[in-house]
Amino acid sequence: MLAEFSLNFINLFVFIFNIVLLARVLMSWFEPNPKGGFGALLVDLTEPVLWPIRKVLPQTPMIDFAPLVAFLLLQLLAQFANNLLAG
């Protein structure tokens, strides 16, 4: 019961965070430096995950690969949780 709840929570978190991260990526194409409102909220929610990834990745001009790495890490987390808790 607890394992099923934990698995559902992790999967829901990964799903919602992926949507927030995708919104941040799409918004960065139109407004790279949000000053307030929804854009600033997206930055505040995603930056704690993206910042450590950016520190590890080599700098590339014009392209930020941190969101792609974050998507992959989140999928690995969900897959690991599914394998560990489901079976």
N, C-alpha and C. Protein backbone atom coordinates (compact mmCIF):
# COMPACT_ATOMS: atom_id res chain seq x y z
N MET A 1 0.82 -1.20 0.00
CA MET A 1 0.00 0.00 0.00
C MET A 1 0.87 1.27 0.00
N LEU A 2 1.84 1.32 0.91
CA LEU A 2 2.73 2.47 0.97
C LEU A 2 3.62 2.54 -0.27
N ALA A 3 4.06 1.38 -0.74
CA ALA A 3 4.89 1.35 -1.94
C ALA A 3 4.11 1.86 -3.14
N GLU A 4 2.85 1.46 -3.26
CA GLU A 4 2.02 1.92 -4.37
C GLU A 4 1.79 3.43 -4.29
N PHE A 5 1.53 3.94 -3.09
CA PHE A 5 1.35 5.39 -2.92
C PHE A 5 2.63 6.13 -3.28
N SER A 6 3.77 5.62 -2.81
CA SER A 6 5.05 6.26 -3.11
C SER A 6 5.33 6.26 -4.61
N LEU A 7 5.04 5.16 -5.26
CA LEU A 7 5.26 5.06 -6.70
C LEU A 7 4.36 6.04 -7.45
N ASN A 8 3.11 6.12 -7.05
CA ASN A 8 2.19 7.07 -7.69
C ASN A 8 2.63 8.51 -7.46
N PHE A 9 3.10 8.81 -6.26
CA PHE A 9 3.57 10.16 -5.96
C PHE A 9 4.79 10.53 -6.81
N ILE A 10 5.74 9.61 -6.91
CA ILE A 10 6.95 9.87 -7.71
C ILE A 10 6.58 10.07 -9.17
N ASN A 11 5.73 9.21 -9.69
CA ASN A 11 5.32 9.33 -11.09
C ASN A 11 4.57 10.64 -11.34
N LEU A 12 3.72 11.03 -10.42
CA LEU A 12 2.99 12.30 -10.57
C LEU A 12 3.94 13.48 -10.49
N PHE A 13 4.89 13.44 -9.56
CA PHE A 13 5.87 14.51 -9.45
C PHE A 13 6.68 14.66 -10.73
N VAL A 14 7.16 13.54 -11.27
CA VAL A 14 7.96 13.57 -12.49
C VAL A 14 7.13 14.11 -13.64
N PHE A 15 5.89 13.68 -13.75
CA PHE A 15 5.01 14.16 -14.82
C PHE A 15 4.79 15.67 -14.73
N ILE A 16 4.46 16.16 -13.55
CA ILE A 16 4.19 17.59 -13.38
C ILE A 16 5.47 18.40 -13.59
N PHE A 17 6.58 17.92 -13.06
CA PHE A 17 7.83 18.66 -13.23
C PHE A 17 8.26 18.69 -14.69
N ASN A 18 8.01 17.62 -15.43
CA ASN A 18 8.31 17.62 -16.86
C ASN A 18 7.49 18.68 -17.59
N ILE A 19 6.24 18.83 -17.21
CA ILE A 19 5.39 19.85 -17.84
C ILE A 19 5.91 21.25 -17.50
N VAL A 20 6.26 21.47 -16.25
CA VAL A 20 6.80 22.77 -15.84
C VAL A 20 8.11 23.05 -16.56
N LEU A 21 8.95 22.05 -16.66
CA LEU A 21 10.24 22.22 -17.34
C LEU A 21 10.03 22.49 -18.84
N LEU A 22 9.10 21.80 -19.45
CA LEU A 22 8.80 22.05 -20.86
C LEU A 22 8.26 23.47 -21.06
N ALA A 23 7.41 23.92 -20.16
CA ALA A 23 6.90 25.29 -20.24
C ALA A 23 8.04 26.29 -20.11
N ARG A 24 8.99 26.01 -19.24
CA ARG A 24 10.15 26.91 -19.08
C ARG A 24 10.98 26.96 -20.35
N VAL A 25 11.19 25.81 -20.97
CA VAL A 25 11.97 25.76 -22.20
C VAL A 25 11.26 26.53 -23.31
N LEU A 26 9.98 26.29 -23.47
CA LEU A 26 9.23 26.98 -24.51
C LEU A 26 9.18 28.49 -24.26
N MET A 27 9.01 28.87 -23.01
CA MET A 27 8.96 30.29 -22.68
C MET A 27 10.31 30.96 -22.94
N SER A 28 11.40 30.24 -22.74
CA SER A 28 12.72 30.83 -22.94
C SER A 28 12.95 31.20 -24.41
N TRP A 29 12.24 30.59 -25.32
CA TRP A 29 12.37 30.95 -26.73
C TRP A 29 11.76 32.31 -27.01
N PHE A 30 10.75 32.68 -26.24
CA PHE A 30 10.03 33.93 -26.49
C PHE A 30 10.43 35.05 -25.55
N GLU A 31 10.73 34.70 -24.30
CA GLU A 31 11.13 35.69 -23.30
C GLU A 31 12.27 35.11 -22.47
N PRO A 32 13.50 35.29 -22.93
CA PRO A 32 14.64 34.62 -22.26
C PRO A 32 14.87 35.07 -20.82
N ASN A 33 14.52 36.31 -20.48
CA ASN A 33 14.74 36.82 -19.12
C ASN A 33 13.43 37.32 -18.53
N PRO A 34 12.60 36.41 -18.00
CA PRO A 34 11.32 36.86 -17.44
C PRO A 34 11.54 37.72 -16.20
N LYS A 35 10.80 38.78 -16.11
CA LYS A 35 10.95 39.73 -15.00
C LYS A 35 9.93 39.51 -13.89
N GLY A 36 8.85 38.87 -14.20
CA GLY A 36 7.84 38.65 -13.18
C GLY A 36 6.74 37.76 -13.71
N GLY A 37 5.79 37.47 -12.86
CA GLY A 37 4.64 36.69 -13.26
C GLY A 37 4.94 35.23 -13.46
N PHE A 38 4.29 34.66 -14.48
CA PHE A 38 4.37 33.23 -14.73
C PHE A 38 5.79 32.78 -15.10
N GLY A 39 6.49 33.58 -15.89
CA GLY A 39 7.85 33.23 -16.28
C GLY A 39 8.79 33.15 -15.09
N ALA A 40 8.66 34.09 -14.18
CA ALA A 40 9.50 34.08 -12.98
C ALA A 40 9.17 32.87 -12.10
N LEU A 41 7.89 32.51 -12.05
CA LEU A 41 7.49 31.33 -11.29
C LEU A 41 8.13 30.07 -11.87
N LEU A 42 8.12 29.95 -13.20
CA LEU A 42 8.74 28.79 -13.84
C LEU A 42 10.24 28.73 -13.55
N VAL A 43 10.89 29.88 -13.58
CA VAL A 43 12.32 29.93 -13.26
C VAL A 43 12.54 29.51 -11.80
N ASP A 44 11.74 30.03 -10.90
CA ASP A 44 11.90 29.69 -9.48
C ASP A 44 11.68 28.20 -9.22
N LEU A 45 10.77 27.58 -9.96
CA LEU A 45 10.49 26.16 -9.75
C LEU A 45 11.55 25.25 -10.37
N THR A 46 12.12 25.65 -11.48
CA THR A 46 13.03 24.76 -12.20
C THR A 46 14.51 25.02 -11.93
N GLU A 47 14.85 26.21 -11.54
CA GLU A 47 16.26 26.55 -11.37
C GLU A 47 16.98 25.70 -10.32
N PRO A 48 16.35 25.32 -9.20
CA PRO A 48 17.07 24.45 -8.25
C PRO A 48 17.50 23.11 -8.85
N VAL A 49 16.83 22.65 -9.89
CA VAL A 49 17.23 21.41 -10.56
C VAL A 49 18.23 21.70 -11.68
N LEU A 50 18.01 22.79 -12.42
CA LEU A 50 18.84 23.07 -13.58
C LEU A 50 20.22 23.63 -13.20
N TRP A 51 20.29 24.41 -12.15
CA TRP A 51 21.56 25.06 -11.78
C TRP A 51 22.68 24.05 -11.51
N PRO A 52 22.46 23.00 -10.70
CA PRO A 52 23.56 22.04 -10.48
C PRO A 52 23.96 21.31 -11.77
N ILE A 53 23.01 21.07 -12.65
CA ILE A 53 23.33 20.41 -13.91
C ILE A 53 24.19 21.32 -14.77
N ARG A 54 23.87 22.61 -14.80
CA ARG A 54 24.66 23.58 -15.57
C ARG A 54 26.09 23.68 -15.06
N LYS A 55 26.27 23.51 -13.75
CA LYS A 55 27.62 23.56 -13.18
C LYS A 55 28.49 22.41 -13.68
N VAL A 56 27.88 21.27 -13.96
CA VAL A 56 28.61 20.08 -14.37
C VAL A 56 28.84 20.06 -15.89
N LEU A 57 27.86 20.51 -16.65
CA LEU A 57 27.96 20.48 -18.11
C LEU A 57 28.93 21.53 -18.62
N PRO A 58 29.61 21.24 -19.73
CA PRO A 58 30.45 22.28 -20.33
C PRO A 58 29.58 23.38 -20.93
N GLN A 59 30.09 24.59 -20.92
CA GLN A 59 29.36 25.74 -21.46
C GLN A 59 29.27 25.63 -22.98
N THR A 60 28.07 25.84 -23.50
CA THR A 60 27.86 25.87 -24.94
C THR A 60 27.15 27.17 -25.28
N PRO A 61 27.61 27.87 -26.31
CA PRO A 61 26.95 29.13 -26.67
C PRO A 61 25.58 28.88 -27.29
N MET A 62 24.60 29.65 -26.86
CA MET A 62 23.26 29.69 -27.43
C MET A 62 22.37 28.49 -27.10
N ILE A 63 22.93 27.38 -26.66
CA ILE A 63 22.11 26.20 -26.38
C ILE A 63 22.35 25.76 -24.94
N ASP A 64 21.27 25.58 -24.21
CA ASP A 64 21.35 25.12 -22.84
C ASP A 64 20.88 23.66 -22.81
N PHE A 65 21.81 22.75 -22.55
CA PHE A 65 21.48 21.34 -22.51
C PHE A 65 20.99 20.87 -21.14
N ALA A 66 20.98 21.74 -20.16
CA ALA A 66 20.55 21.37 -18.81
C ALA A 66 19.12 20.85 -18.77
N PRO A 67 18.15 21.47 -19.47
CA PRO A 67 16.79 20.91 -19.44
C PRO A 67 16.72 19.50 -20.03
N LEU A 68 17.48 19.24 -21.08
CA LEU A 68 17.48 17.90 -21.66
C LEU A 68 18.03 16.88 -20.66
N VAL A 69 19.11 17.23 -20.00
CA VAL A 69 19.68 16.34 -18.98
C VAL A 69 18.69 16.15 -17.83
N ALA A 70 18.00 17.22 -17.45
CA ALA A 70 17.00 17.12 -16.37
C ALA A 70 15.86 16.18 -16.78
N PHE A 71 15.38 16.30 -18.03
CA PHE A 71 14.34 15.38 -18.51
C PHE A 71 14.82 13.93 -18.40
N LEU A 72 16.04 13.69 -18.84
CA LEU A 72 16.58 12.32 -18.80
C LEU A 72 16.74 11.82 -17.37
N LEU A 73 17.25 12.67 -16.49
CA LEU A 73 17.42 12.26 -15.09
C LEU A 73 16.08 11.98 -14.41
N LEU A 74 15.08 12.79 -14.72
CA LEU A 74 13.75 12.56 -14.15
C LEU A 74 13.16 11.24 -14.65
N GLN A 75 13.37 10.93 -15.91
CA GLN A 75 12.88 9.66 -16.44
C GLN A 75 13.62 8.48 -15.80
N LEU A 76 14.92 8.65 -15.59
CA LEU A 76 15.67 7.60 -14.90
C LEU A 76 15.19 7.41 -13.47
N LEU A 77 14.89 8.52 -12.79
CA LEU A 77 14.35 8.44 -11.43
C LEU A 77 13.03 7.69 -11.41
N ALA A 78 12.14 8.02 -12.33
CA ALA A 78 10.84 7.35 -12.39
C ALA A 78 11.01 5.87 -12.72
N GLN A 79 11.89 5.56 -13.65
CA GLN A 79 12.11 4.16 -14.01
C GLN A 79 12.72 3.38 -12.85
N PHE A 80 13.68 3.99 -12.17
CA PHE A 80 14.28 3.35 -11.00
C PHE A 80 13.23 3.08 -9.92
N ALA A 81 12.39 4.07 -9.65
CA ALA A 81 11.34 3.91 -8.65
C ALA A 81 10.35 2.82 -9.06
N ASN A 82 10.00 2.80 -10.34
CA ASN A 82 9.09 1.76 -10.82
C ASN A 82 9.69 0.37 -10.66
N ASN A 83 10.97 0.23 -10.99
CA ASN A 83 11.62 -1.08 -10.86
C ASN A 83 11.79 -1.48 -9.39
N LEU A 84 12.11 -0.52 -8.55
CA LEU A 84 12.34 -0.83 -7.15
C LEU A 84 11.06 -1.12 -6.39
N LEU A 85 10.05 -0.30 -6.60
CA LEU A 85 8.83 -0.41 -5.80
C LEU A 85 7.79 -1.35 -6.39
N ALA A 86 7.78 -1.50 -7.70
CA ALA A 86 6.75 -2.32 -8.33
C ALA A 86 7.15 -3.78 -8.45
N GLY A 87 8.41 -4.00 -8.35
CA GLY A 87 8.62 -5.38 -8.53
C GLY A 87 9.83 -6.08 -8.32
